[in-house]
Amino acid sequence: MEFPVIHTNIWDGIIAVPLIVLITQFFKLFPIPRQYFPTIASIFGFGISIFYSHPHNIWAGIFMGGFYSAAAVGMYASLKTSWIAFKNRKRKVIRQKS
């Protein structure tokens, strides 16, 4: 078995990952338990990768789909953590001034 040749491009980091985050955030409008959102991100990551980014190579699509979904979940977690830290820092500064 030969390993697939995977060509990455601007699509991977600039469009696919934020698109998966946006789609996952859209699903938060519905009453879905929070523990299912990483699975939703994975489904869309694999779907975009297999059917759009790498339609002629299933193994490359599966491989890159894992990266797309993991990057989307990590990006969301990072942004959420940064936002919470920013809000807490802002509150701390306001408390120190008063």
PDB file of N, CA and C in Angstrom:
ATOM      1  N   MET A   1       0.842  -1.173   0.000  1.00  0.00           N
ATOM      2  CA  MET A   1       0.000   0.000   0.000  1.00  0.00           C
ATOM      3  C   MET A   1       0.888   1.237   0.000  1.00  0.00           C
ATOM      4  N   GLU A   2       0.554   2.166  -0.828  1.00  0.00           N
ATOM      5  CA  GLU A   2       1.330   3.388  -0.951  1.00  0.00           C
ATOM      6  C   GLU A   2       0.653   4.503  -0.167  1.00  0.00           C
ATOM      7  N   PHE A   3       1.472   5.317   0.516  1.00  0.00           N
ATOM      8  CA  PHE A   3       0.920   6.440   1.260  1.00  0.00           C
ATOM      9  C   PHE A   3       0.428   7.510   0.294  1.00  0.00           C
ATOM     10  N   PRO A   4      -0.684   8.171   0.631  1.00  0.00           N
ATOM     11  CA  PRO A   4      -1.217   9.188  -0.290  1.00  0.00           C
ATOM     12  C   PRO A   4      -0.355  10.447  -0.288  1.00  0.00           C
ATOM     13  N   VAL A   5      -0.283  11.074  -1.416  1.00  0.00           N
ATOM     14  CA  VAL A   5       0.373  12.371  -1.514  1.00  0.00           C
ATOM     15  C   VAL A   5      -0.690  13.420  -1.194  1.00  0.00           C
ATOM     16  N   ILE A   6      -0.427  14.217  -0.194  1.00  0.00           N
ATOM     17  CA  ILE A   6      -1.402  15.202   0.251  1.00  0.00           C
ATOM     18  C   ILE A   6      -0.835  16.589  -0.017  1.00  0.00           C
ATOM     19  N   HIS A   7      -1.539  17.337  -0.835  1.00  0.00           N
ATOM     20  CA  HIS A   7      -1.140  18.703  -1.129  1.00  0.00           C
ATOM     21  C   HIS A   7      -1.999  19.634  -0.287  1.00  0.00           C
ATOM     22  N   THR A   8      -1.360  20.413   0.556  1.00  0.00           N
ATOM     23  CA  THR A   8      -2.112  21.394   1.326  1.00  0.00           C
ATOM     24  C   THR A   8      -2.042  22.730   0.612  1.00  0.00           C
ATOM     25  N   ASN A   9      -3.030  23.539   0.834  1.00  0.00           N
ATOM     26  CA  ASN A   9      -3.068  24.847   0.201  1.00  0.00           C
ATOM     27  C   ASN A   9      -3.744  25.842   1.131  1.00  0.00           C
ATOM     28  N   ILE A  10      -4.011  27.010   0.634  1.00  0.00           N
ATOM     29  CA  ILE A  10      -4.612  28.071   1.447  1.00  0.00           C
ATOM     30  C   ILE A  10      -5.994  27.679   1.941  1.00  0.00           C
ATOM     31  N   TRP A  11      -6.670  26.823   1.197  1.00  0.00           N
ATOM     32  CA  TRP A  11      -8.004  26.356   1.569  1.00  0.00           C
ATOM     33  C   TRP A  11      -8.001  25.741   2.971  1.00  0.00           C
ATOM     34  N   ASP A  12      -6.968  24.983   3.296  1.00  0.00           N
ATOM     35  CA  ASP A  12      -6.939  24.238   4.553  1.00  0.00           C
ATOM     36  C   ASP A  12      -7.085  25.140   5.784  1.00  0.00           C
ATOM     37  N   GLY A  13      -6.237  26.128   5.895  1.00  0.00           N
ATOM     38  CA  GLY A  13      -6.229  26.909   7.123  1.00  0.00           C
ATOM     39  C   GLY A  13      -7.085  28.153   7.107  1.00  0.00           C
ATOM     40  N   ILE A  14      -7.298  28.713   5.940  1.00  0.00           N
ATOM     41  CA  ILE A  14      -7.976  30.002   5.862  1.00  0.00           C
ATOM     42  C   ILE A  14      -9.484  29.860   5.660  1.00  0.00           C
ATOM     43  N   ILE A  15      -9.908  28.823   4.966  1.00  0.00           N
ATOM     44  CA  ILE A  15     -11.331  28.706   4.657  1.00  0.00           C
ATOM     45  C   ILE A  15     -11.990  27.519   5.371  1.00  0.00           C
ATOM     46  N   ALA A  16     -11.415  26.332   5.272  1.00  0.00           N
ATOM     47  CA  ALA A  16     -12.081  25.124   5.780  1.00  0.00           C
ATOM     48  C   ALA A  16     -12.273  25.156   7.291  1.00  0.00           C
ATOM     49  N   VAL A  17     -11.242  25.483   8.031  1.00  0.00           N
ATOM     50  CA  VAL A  17     -11.332  25.436   9.496  1.00  0.00           C
ATOM     51  C   VAL A  17     -12.319  26.478  10.025  1.00  0.00           C
ATOM     52  N   PRO A  18     -12.223  27.762   9.621  1.00  0.00           N
ATOM     53  CA  PRO A  18     -13.243  28.710  10.100  1.00  0.00           C
ATOM     54  C   PRO A  18     -14.654  28.357   9.636  1.00  0.00           C
ATOM     55  N   LEU A  19     -14.782  27.779   8.445  1.00  0.00           N
ATOM     56  CA  LEU A  19     -16.099  27.358   7.965  1.00  0.00           C
ATOM     57  C   LEU A  19     -16.686  26.284   8.874  1.00  0.00           C
ATOM     58  N   ILE A  20     -15.883  25.352   9.299  1.00  0.00           N
ATOM     59  CA  ILE A  20     -16.358  24.300  10.206  1.00  0.00           C
ATOM     60  C   ILE A  20     -16.762  24.903  11.554  1.00  0.00           C
ATOM     61  N   VAL A  21     -15.993  25.881  12.039  1.00  0.00           N
ATOM     62  CA  VAL A  21     -16.352  26.550  13.296  1.00  0.00           C
ATOM     63  C   VAL A  21     -17.702  27.261  13.141  1.00  0.00           C
ATOM     64  N   LEU A  22     -17.894  27.964  12.036  1.00  0.00           N
ATOM     65  CA  LEU A  22     -19.160  28.671  11.817  1.00  0.00           C
ATOM     66  C   LEU A  22     -20.341  27.708  11.712  1.00  0.00           C
ATOM     67  N   ILE A  23     -20.157  26.619  10.997  1.00  0.00           N
ATOM     68  CA  ILE A  23     -21.236  25.631  10.875  1.00  0.00           C
ATOM     69  C   ILE A  23     -21.571  25.041  12.241  1.00  0.00           C
ATOM     70  N   THR A  24     -20.554  24.738  13.017  1.00  0.00           N
ATOM     71  CA  THR A  24     -20.766  24.180  14.352  1.00  0.00           C
ATOM     72  C   THR A  24     -21.487  25.186  15.244  1.00  0.00           C
ATOM     73  N   GLN A  25     -21.116  26.463  15.146  1.00  0.00           N
ATOM     74  CA  GLN A  25     -21.791  27.496  15.926  1.00  0.00           C
ATOM     75  C   GLN A  25     -23.256  27.637  15.508  1.00  0.00           C
ATOM     76  N   PHE A  26     -23.537  27.471  14.228  1.00  0.00           N
ATOM     77  CA  PHE A  26     -24.923  27.503  13.757  1.00  0.00           C
ATOM     78  C   PHE A  26     -25.759  26.433  14.450  1.00  0.00           C
ATOM     79  N   PHE A  27     -25.182  25.261  14.666  1.00  0.00           N
ATOM     80  CA  PHE A  27     -25.916  24.173  15.302  1.00  0.00           C
ATOM     81  C   PHE A  27     -26.204  24.452  16.774  1.00  0.00           C
ATOM     82  N   LYS A  28     -25.542  25.449  17.351  1.00  0.00           N
ATOM     83  CA  LYS A  28     -25.834  25.808  18.739  1.00  0.00           C
ATOM     84  C   LYS A  28     -27.175  26.520  18.873  1.00  0.00           C
ATOM     85  N   LEU A  29     -27.780  26.885  17.752  1.00  0.00           N
ATOM     86  CA  LEU A  29     -29.114  27.477  17.788  1.00  0.00           C
ATOM     87  C   LEU A  29     -30.184  26.431  18.104  1.00  0.00           C
ATOM     88  N   PHE A  30     -29.828  25.161  17.973  1.00  0.00           N
ATOM     89  CA  PHE A  30     -30.763  24.071  18.213  1.00  0.00           C
ATOM     90  C   PHE A  30     -30.484  23.445  19.580  1.00  0.00           C
ATOM     91  N   PRO A  31     -31.488  22.817  20.185  1.00  0.00           N
ATOM     92  CA  PRO A  31     -31.284  22.225  21.520  1.00  0.00           C
ATOM     93  C   PRO A  31     -30.495  20.905  21.460  1.00  0.00           C
ATOM     94  N   ILE A  32     -29.206  21.028  21.214  1.00  0.00           N
ATOM     95  CA  ILE A  32     -28.325  19.863  21.129  1.00  0.00           C
ATOM     96  C   ILE A  32     -27.389  19.898  22.340  1.00  0.00           C
ATOM     97  N   PRO A  33     -27.232  18.784  23.053  1.00  0.00           N
ATOM     98  CA  PRO A  33     -26.298  18.777  24.195  1.00  0.00           C
ATOM     99  C   PRO A  33     -24.878  19.148  23.763  1.00  0.00           C
ATOM    100  N   ARG A  34     -24.193  19.894  24.612  1.00  0.00           N
ATOM    101  CA  ARG A  34     -22.875  20.443  24.282  1.00  0.00           C
ATOM    102  C   ARG A  34     -21.820  19.386  23.974  1.00  0.00           C
ATOM    103  N   GLN A  35     -21.951  18.200  24.541  1.00  0.00           N
ATOM    104  CA  GLN A  35     -20.926  17.179  24.314  1.00  0.00           C
ATOM    105  C   GLN A  35     -20.918  16.651  22.889  1.00  0.00           C
ATOM    106  N   TYR A  36     -21.939  16.972  22.093  1.00  0.00           N
ATOM    107  CA  TYR A  36     -21.996  16.493  20.713  1.00  0.00           C
ATOM    108  C   TYR A  36     -21.348  17.435  19.710  1.00  0.00           C
ATOM    109  N   PHE A  37     -20.964  18.629  20.123  1.00  0.00           N
ATOM    110  CA  PHE A  37     -20.422  19.592  19.169  1.00  0.00           C
ATOM    111  C   PHE A  37     -19.070  19.205  18.584  1.00  0.00           C
ATOM    112  N   PRO A  38     -18.166  18.594  19.339  1.00  0.00           N
ATOM    113  CA  PRO A  38     -16.950  18.099  18.670  1.00  0.00           C
ATOM    114  C   PRO A  38     -17.249  17.030  17.616  1.00  0.00           C
ATOM    115  N   THR A  39     -18.265  16.212  17.851  1.00  0.00           N
ATOM    116  CA  THR A  39     -18.657  15.211  16.861  1.00  0.00           C
ATOM    117  C   THR A  39     -19.239  15.873  15.617  1.00  0.00           C
ATOM    118  N   ILE A  40     -20.025  16.913  15.816  1.00  0.00           N
ATOM    119  CA  ILE A  40     -20.576  17.656  14.675  1.00  0.00           C
ATOM    120  C   ILE A  40     -19.435  18.277  13.871  1.00  0.00           C
ATOM    121  N   ALA A  41     -18.446  18.857  14.557  1.00  0.00           N
ATOM    122  CA  ALA A  41     -17.293  19.433  13.863  1.00  0.00           C
ATOM    123  C   ALA A  41     -16.540  18.352  13.093  1.00  0.00           C
ATOM    124  N   SER A  42     -16.405  17.172  13.675  1.00  0.00           N
ATOM    125  CA  SER A  42     -15.719  16.078  12.989  1.00  0.00           C
ATOM    126  C   SER A  42     -16.473  15.638  11.743  1.00  0.00           C
ATOM    127  N   ILE A  43     -17.779  15.526  11.839  1.00  0.00           N
ATOM    128  CA  ILE A  43     -18.580  15.112  10.680  1.00  0.00           C
ATOM    129  C   ILE A  43     -18.398  16.098   9.533  1.00  0.00           C
ATOM    130  N   PHE A  44     -18.483  17.384   9.833  1.00  0.00           N
ATOM    131  CA  PHE A  44     -18.319  18.386   8.779  1.00  0.00           C
ATOM    132  C   PHE A  44     -16.873  18.465   8.293  1.00  0.00           C
ATOM    133  N   GLY A  45     -15.904  18.270   9.196  1.00  0.00           N
ATOM    134  CA  GLY A  45     -14.502  18.261   8.771  1.00  0.00           C
ATOM    135  C   GLY A  45     -14.214  17.129   7.802  1.00  0.00           C
ATOM    136  N   PHE A  46     -14.674  15.942   8.139  1.00  0.00           N
ATOM    137  CA  PHE A  46     -14.473  14.805   7.239  1.00  0.00           C
ATOM    138  C   PHE A  46     -15.260  14.986   5.944  1.00  0.00           C
ATOM    139  N   GLY A  47     -16.477  15.492   6.057  1.00  0.00           N
ATOM    140  CA  GLY A  47     -17.294  15.688   4.863  1.00  0.00           C
ATOM    141  C   GLY A  47     -16.674  16.680   3.887  1.00  0.00           C
ATOM    142  N   ILE A  48     -16.236  17.814   4.392  1.00  0.00           N
ATOM    143  CA  ILE A  48     -15.609  18.827   3.528  1.00  0.00           C
ATOM    144  C   ILE A  48     -14.331  18.280   2.913  1.00  0.00           C
ATOM    145  N   SER A  49     -13.551  17.595   3.716  1.00  0.00           N
ATOM    146  CA  SER A  49     -12.279  17.083   3.225  1.00  0.00           C
ATOM    147  C   SER A  49     -12.460  15.979   2.185  1.00  0.00           C
ATOM    148  N   ILE A  50     -13.341  15.047   2.454  1.00  0.00           N
ATOM    149  CA  ILE A  50     -13.523  13.904   1.547  1.00  0.00           C
ATOM    150  C   ILE A  50     -14.236  14.315   0.259  1.00  0.00           C
ATOM    151  N   PHE A  51     -15.286  15.136   0.394  1.00  0.00           N
ATOM    152  CA  PHE A  51     -16.104  15.432  -0.783  1.00  0.00           C
ATOM    153  C   PHE A  51     -15.703  16.687  -1.543  1.00  0.00           C
ATOM    154  N   TYR A  52     -14.935  17.577  -0.914  1.00  0.00           N
ATOM    155  CA  TYR A  52     -14.573  18.807  -1.610  1.00  0.00           C
ATOM    156  C   TYR A  52     -13.061  18.962  -1.792  1.00  0.00           C
ATOM    157  N   SER A  53     -12.315  18.874  -0.701  1.00  0.00           N
ATOM    158  CA  SER A  53     -10.873  19.130  -0.787  1.00  0.00           C
ATOM    159  C   SER A  53     -10.103  18.005  -1.475  1.00  0.00           C
ATOM    160  N   HIS A  54     -10.447  16.761  -1.166  1.00  0.00           N
ATOM    161  CA  HIS A  54      -9.713  15.602  -1.690  1.00  0.00           C
ATOM    162  C   HIS A  54     -10.684  14.558  -2.246  1.00  0.00           C
ATOM    163  N   PRO A  55     -11.479  14.918  -3.256  1.00  0.00           N
ATOM    164  CA  PRO A  55     -12.508  13.981  -3.730  1.00  0.00           C
ATOM    165  C   PRO A  55     -11.964  12.756  -4.467  1.00  0.00           C
ATOM    166  N   HIS A  56     -10.723  12.797  -4.930  1.00  0.00           N
ATOM    167  CA  HIS A  56     -10.185  11.685  -5.717  1.00  0.00           C
ATOM    168  C   HIS A  56      -9.273  10.762  -4.915  1.00  0.00           C
ATOM    169  N   ASN A  57      -9.120  11.045  -3.628  1.00  0.00           N
ATOM    170  CA  ASN A  57      -8.253  10.224  -2.790  1.00  0.00           C
ATOM    171  C   ASN A  57      -8.892  10.104  -1.410  1.00  0.00           C
ATOM    172  N   ILE A  58      -9.557   8.989  -1.162  1.00  0.00           N
ATOM    173  CA  ILE A  58     -10.304   8.805   0.080  1.00  0.00           C
ATOM    174  C   ILE A  58      -9.393   8.851   1.305  1.00  0.00           C
ATOM    175  N   TRP A  59      -8.195   8.275   1.212  1.00  0.00           N
ATOM    176  CA  TRP A  59      -7.292   8.250   2.367  1.00  0.00           C
ATOM    177  C   TRP A  59      -6.776   9.640   2.700  1.00  0.00           C
ATOM    178  N   ALA A  60      -6.481  10.426   1.686  1.00  0.00           N
ATOM    179  CA  ALA A  60      -6.071  11.813   1.941  1.00  0.00           C
ATOM    180  C   ALA A  60      -7.237  12.596   2.539  1.00  0.00           C
ATOM    181  N   GLY A  61      -8.455  12.329   2.061  1.00  0.00           N
ATOM    182  CA  GLY A  61      -9.632  12.997   2.604  1.00  0.00           C
ATOM    183  C   GLY A  61      -9.870  12.659   4.061  1.00  0.00           C
ATOM    184  N   ILE A  62      -9.716  11.406   4.411  1.00  0.00           N
ATOM    185  CA  ILE A  62      -9.888  10.993   5.809  1.00  0.00           C
ATOM    186  C   ILE A  62      -8.788  11.603   6.678  1.00  0.00           C
ATOM    187  N   PHE A  63      -7.566  11.534   6.212  1.00  0.00           N
ATOM    188  CA  PHE A  63      -6.428  12.063   6.964  1.00  0.00           C
ATOM    189  C   PHE A  63      -6.593  13.562   7.215  1.00  0.00           C
ATOM    190  N   MET A  64      -6.869  14.315   6.164  1.00  0.00           N
ATOM    191  CA  MET A  64      -6.990  15.762   6.301  1.00  0.00           C
ATOM    192  C   MET A  64      -8.288  16.156   7.016  1.00  0.00           C
ATOM    193  N   GLY A  65      -9.333  15.353   6.896  1.00  0.00           N
ATOM    194  CA  GLY A  65     -10.575  15.617   7.627  1.00  0.00           C
ATOM    195  C   GLY A  65     -10.362  15.606   9.129  1.00  0.00           C
ATOM    196  N   GLY A  66      -9.517  14.701   9.592  1.00  0.00           N
ATOM    197  CA  GLY A  66      -9.169  14.685  11.012  1.00  0.00           C
ATOM    198  C   GLY A  66      -8.473  15.969  11.434  1.00  0.00           C
ATOM    199  N   PHE A  67      -7.595  16.463  10.582  1.00  0.00           N
ATOM    200  CA  PHE A  67      -6.909  17.718  10.886  1.00  0.00           C
ATOM    201  C   PHE A  67      -7.879  18.899  10.852  1.00  0.00           C
ATOM    202  N   TYR A  68      -8.758  18.932   9.850  1.00  0.00           N
ATOM    203  CA  TYR A  68      -9.722  20.029   9.760  1.00  0.00           C
ATOM    204  C   TYR A  68     -10.575  20.105  11.019  1.00  0.00           C
ATOM    205  N   SER A  69     -11.130  18.972  11.425  1.00  0.00           N
ATOM    206  CA  SER A  69     -12.030  18.982  12.572  1.00  0.00           C
ATOM    207  C   SER A  69     -11.284  19.265  13.873  1.00  0.00           C
ATOM    208  N   ALA A  70     -10.108  18.694  14.039  1.00  0.00           N
ATOM    209  CA  ALA A  70      -9.330  18.960  15.257  1.00  0.00           C
ATOM    210  C   ALA A  70      -8.898  20.422  15.318  1.00  0.00           C
ATOM    211  N   ALA A  71      -8.515  20.987  14.188  1.00  0.00           N
ATOM    212  CA  ALA A  71      -8.126  22.396  14.159  1.00  0.00           C
ATOM    213  C   ALA A  71      -9.317  23.294  14.464  1.00  0.00           C
ATOM    214  N   ALA A  72     -10.503  22.945  13.981  1.00  0.00           N
ATOM    215  CA  ALA A  72     -11.695  23.747  14.253  1.00  0.00           C
ATOM    216  C   ALA A  72     -12.052  23.708  15.737  1.00  0.00           C
ATOM    217  N   VAL A  73     -12.012  22.539  16.345  1.00  0.00           N
ATOM    218  CA  VAL A  73     -12.314  22.417  17.772  1.00  0.00           C
ATOM    219  C   VAL A  73     -11.258  23.166  18.590  1.00  0.00           C
ATOM    220  N   GLY A  74      -9.994  23.034  18.214  1.00  0.00           N
ATOM    221  CA  GLY A  74      -8.928  23.741  18.922  1.00  0.00           C
ATOM    222  C   GLY A  74      -9.014  25.245  18.753  1.00  0.00           C
ATOM    223  N   MET A  75      -9.370  25.700  17.560  1.00  0.00           N
ATOM    224  CA  MET A  75      -9.519  27.136  17.324  1.00  0.00           C
ATOM    225  C   MET A  75     -10.649  27.708  18.168  1.00  0.00           C
ATOM    226  N   TYR A  76     -11.760  27.006  18.232  1.00  0.00           N
ATOM    227  CA  TYR A  76     -12.883  27.473  19.042  1.00  0.00           C
ATOM    228  C   TYR A  76     -12.491  27.506  20.523  1.00  0.00           C
ATOM    229  N   ALA A  77     -11.852  26.454  21.009  1.00  0.00           N
ATOM    230  CA  ALA A  77     -11.453  26.409  22.420  1.00  0.00           C
ATOM    231  C   ALA A  77     -10.467  27.526  22.749  1.00  0.00           C
ATOM    232  N   SER A  78      -9.530  27.778  21.842  1.00  0.00           N
ATOM    233  CA  SER A  78      -8.561  28.839  22.048  1.00  0.00           C
ATOM    234  C   SER A  78      -9.223  30.210  22.079  1.00  0.00           C
ATOM    235  N   LEU A  79     -10.112  30.465  21.128  1.00  0.00           N
ATOM    236  CA  LEU A  79     -10.806  31.754  21.094  1.00  0.00           C
ATOM    237  C   LEU A  79     -11.683  31.948  22.330  1.00  0.00           C
ATOM    238  N   LYS A  80     -12.356  30.898  22.757  1.00  0.00           N
ATOM    239  CA  LYS A  80     -13.217  30.993  23.942  1.00  0.00           C
ATOM    240  C   LYS A  80     -12.388  31.262  25.197  1.00  0.00           C
ATOM    241  N   THR A  81     -11.279  30.559  25.348  1.00  0.00           N
ATOM    242  CA  THR A  81     -10.411  30.761  26.501  1.00  0.00           C
ATOM    243  C   THR A  81      -9.830  32.170  26.509  1.00  0.00           C
ATOM    244  N   SER A  82      -9.402  32.652  25.351  1.00  0.00           N
ATOM    245  CA  SER A  82      -8.851  34.003  25.254  1.00  0.00           C
ATOM    246  C   SER A  82      -9.900  35.051  25.580  1.00  0.00           C
ATOM    247  N   TRP A  83     -11.114  34.858  25.100  1.00  0.00           N
ATOM    248  CA  TRP A  83     -12.190  35.808  25.363  1.00  0.00           C
ATOM    249  C   TRP A  83     -12.534  35.851  26.853  1.00  0.00           C
ATOM    250  N   ILE A  84     -12.604  34.695  27.489  1.00  0.00           N
ATOM    251  CA  ILE A  84     -12.898  34.642  28.923  1.00  0.00           C
ATOM    252  C   ILE A  84     -11.781  35.321  29.712  1.00  0.00           C
ATOM    253  N   ALA A  85     -10.531  35.070  29.344  1.00  0.00           N
ATOM    254  CA  ALA A  85      -9.402  35.713  30.029  1.00  0.00           C
ATOM    255  C   ALA A  85      -9.439  37.224  29.833  1.00  0.00           C
ATOM    256  N   PHE A  86      -9.778  37.672  28.638  1.00  0.00           N
ATOM    257  CA  PHE A  86      -9.884  39.103  28.368  1.00  0.00           C
ATOM    258  C   PHE A  86     -10.979  39.739  29.216  1.00  0.00           C
ATOM    259  N   LYS A  87     -12.148  39.101  29.288  1.00  0.00           N
ATOM    260  CA  LYS A  87     -13.239  39.646  30.098  1.00  0.00           C
ATOM    261  C   LYS A  87     -12.869  39.683  31.573  1.00  0.00           C
ATOM    262  N   ASN A  88     -12.226  38.630  32.068  1.00  0.00           N
ATOM    263  CA  ASN A  88     -11.829  38.606  33.477  1.00  0.00           C
ATOM    264  C   ASN A  88     -10.776  39.666  33.772  1.00  0.00           C
ATOM    265  N   ARG A  89      -9.863  39.909  32.840  1.00  0.00           N
ATOM    266  CA  ARG A  89      -8.838  40.933  33.028  1.00  0.00           C
ATOM    267  C   ARG A  89      -9.477  42.314  33.051  1.00  0.00           C
ATOM    268  N   LYS A  90     -10.439  42.531  32.178  1.00  0.00           N
ATOM    269  CA  LYS A  90     -11.139  43.809  32.122  1.00  0.00           C
ATOM    270  C   LYS A  90     -11.885  44.052  33.437  1.00  0.00           C
ATOM    271  N   ARG A  91     -12.541  43.033  33.971  1.00  0.00           N
ATOM    272  CA  ARG A  91     -13.234  43.158  35.260  1.00  0.00           C
ATOM    273  C   ARG A  91     -12.261  43.447  36.383  1.00  0.00           C
ATOM    274  N   LYS A  92     -11.091  42.800  36.330  1.00  0.00           N
ATOM    275  CA  LYS A  92     -10.089  42.993  37.375  1.00  0.00           C
ATOM    276  C   LYS A  92      -9.580  44.424  37.364  1.00  0.00           C
ATOM    277  N   VAL A  93      -9.374  44.990  36.192  1.00  0.00           N
ATOM    278  CA  VAL A  93      -8.909  46.372  36.079  1.00  0.00           C
ATOM    279  C   VAL A  93      -9.974  47.323  36.604  1.00  0.00           C
ATOM    280  N   ILE A  94     -11.230  47.062  36.311  1.00  0.00           N
ATOM    281  CA  ILE A  94     -12.313  47.918  36.785  1.00  0.00           C
ATOM    282  C   ILE A  94     -12.402  47.859  38.303  1.00  0.00           C
ATOM    283  N   ARG A  95     -12.261  46.674  38.886  1.00  0.00           N
ATOM    284  CA  ARG A  95     -12.310  46.537  40.360  1.00  0.00           C
ATOM    285  C   ARG A  95     -11.149  47.268  41.014  1.00  0.00           C
ATOM    286  N   GLN A  96      -9.966  47.249  40.405  1.00  0.00           N
ATOM    287  CA  GLN A  96      -8.793  47.918  40.996  1.00  0.00           C
ATOM    288  C   GLN A  96      -8.954  49.426  40.980  1.00  0.00           C
ATOM    289  N   LYS A  97      -9.626  49.971  39.973  1.00  0.00           N
ATOM    290  CA  LYS A  97      -9.812  51.413  39.865  1.00  0.00           C
ATOM    291  C   LYS A  97     -10.813  51.926  40.887  1.00  0.00           C
ATOM    292  N   SER A  98     -11.766  51.105  41.297  1.00  0.00           N
ATOM    293  CA  SER A  98     -12.793  51.580  42.231  1.00  0.00           C
ATOM    294  C   SER A  98     -12.437  51.336  43.663  1.00  0.00           C
TER     295      SER A  98
END
